[in-house]
Amino acid sequence: MSKICQITGKKAMIGNNVSHSKRRTKRTFDVNLFKKKFYYVEQDCWISLTTSASGLRNINKMGLDAALKDAVSKGYCDWKSIKILA
């Protein structure tokens, strides 16, 4: 599973750990991701998405259908990558 949000397109960033002596070593800043199930009313089915916390807020604000269409148009996910649950 890649660490990329399917709604906002957020992914892990790379930065530095800085010690007290100012020595720098590489580290990653991971995204706050969740695997959530949503009921997709337009298709009458359950879907599973990997979303970040801000992605969940976008879904609550815009609605699931509008958020998915926006994510597909921006290229963050495609319809084939959305997992449909039985």
Protein backbone atom coordinates (compact mmCIF):
# COMPACT_ATOMS: atom_id res chain seq x y z
CA MET A 1 0.00 0.00 0.00
CA SER A 2 1.48 3.32 -1.01
CA LYS A 3 1.30 6.19 1.44
CA ILE A 4 -0.78 8.47 -0.81
CA CYS A 5 -4.23 9.89 -0.10
CA GLN A 6 -6.73 9.03 -2.85
CA ILE A 7 -8.73 12.24 -2.29
CA THR A 8 -6.13 14.98 -1.76
CA GLY A 9 -3.04 13.39 -3.32
CA LYS A 10 -0.95 14.03 -0.21
CA LYS A 11 2.13 11.82 0.14
CA ALA A 12 5.09 11.41 2.47
CA MET A 13 7.63 14.23 2.60
CA ILE A 14 11.35 13.90 3.25
CA GLY A 15 13.13 16.10 5.73
CA ASN A 16 15.81 16.10 8.39
CA ASN A 17 16.06 15.00 11.99
CA VAL A 18 18.07 17.72 13.70
CA SER A 19 19.83 16.74 16.90
CA HIS A 20 20.92 19.03 19.71
CA SER A 21 24.37 19.29 18.10
CA LYS A 22 22.64 20.27 14.81
CA ARG A 23 23.63 17.01 13.10
CA ARG A 24 21.13 16.25 10.32
CA THR A 25 19.90 12.81 9.28
CA LYS A 26 17.18 12.03 6.76
CA ARG A 27 13.66 11.09 7.88
CA THR A 28 10.17 10.91 6.40
CA PHE A 29 7.08 12.81 7.45
CA ASP A 30 4.24 10.38 6.82
CA VAL A 31 0.67 11.37 6.04
CA ASN A 32 -2.13 10.73 8.53
CA LEU A 33 -3.88 8.01 6.47
CA PHE A 34 -6.99 5.94 7.18
CA LYS A 35 -8.60 3.04 5.35
CA LYS A 36 -12.30 3.96 5.41
CA LYS A 37 -15.45 2.41 3.98
CA PHE A 38 -18.00 4.73 2.42
CA TYR A 39 -21.46 4.05 1.04
CA TYR A 40 -21.50 5.35 -2.53
CA VAL A 41 -25.16 6.23 -3.14
CA GLU A 42 -24.80 6.89 -6.88
CA GLN A 43 -23.55 3.33 -7.52
CA ASP A 44 -25.48 1.73 -4.61
CA CYS A 45 -22.39 0.00 -3.20
CA TRP A 46 -19.73 0.24 -0.50
CA ILE A 47 -16.26 1.44 -1.47
CA SER A 48 -12.97 1.45 0.40
CA LEU A 49 -10.66 4.49 0.19
CA THR A 50 -7.30 5.37 1.68
CA THR A 51 -7.76 8.95 2.79
CA SER A 52 -5.95 11.46 4.95
CA ALA A 53 -7.58 13.45 7.72
CA SER A 54 -7.98 16.44 5.42
CA GLY A 55 -9.45 14.11 2.79
CA LEU A 56 -12.13 13.04 5.27
CA ARG A 57 -12.95 16.70 5.92
CA ASN A 58 -13.21 17.29 2.16
CA ILE A 59 -15.63 14.37 1.83
CA ASN A 60 -17.73 15.70 4.70
CA LYS A 61 -17.76 19.18 3.19
CA MET A 62 -18.30 18.44 -0.52
CA GLY A 63 -19.89 15.01 -0.44
CA LEU A 64 -18.43 11.70 -1.57
CA ASP A 65 -19.41 11.95 -5.25
CA ALA A 66 -18.05 15.48 -5.71
CA ALA A 67 -14.83 14.65 -3.85
CA LEU A 68 -14.25 11.54 -6.00
CA LYS A 69 -14.92 13.40 -9.25
CA ASP A 70 -12.55 16.18 -8.16
CA ALA A 71 -9.81 13.66 -7.22
CA VAL A 72 -10.16 11.82 -10.55
CA SER A 73 -10.06 15.06 -12.55
CA LYS A 74 -6.89 16.15 -10.73
CA GLY A 75 -5.30 12.73 -11.27
CA TYR A 76 -4.98 11.68 -7.61
CA CYS A 77 -6.81 8.40 -8.26
CA ASP A 78 -8.73 6.72 -11.04
CA TRP A 79 -11.95 4.76 -11.03
CA LYS A 80 -10.06 1.47 -11.35
CA SER A 81 -8.08 2.05 -8.14
CA ILE A 82 -11.24 2.52 -6.03
CA LYS A 83 -11.96 -0.79 -4.31
CA ILE A 84 -15.62 -1.84 -4.47
CA LEU A 85 -16.72 -4.02 -1.53
CA ALA A 86 -19.35 -6.72 -1.94
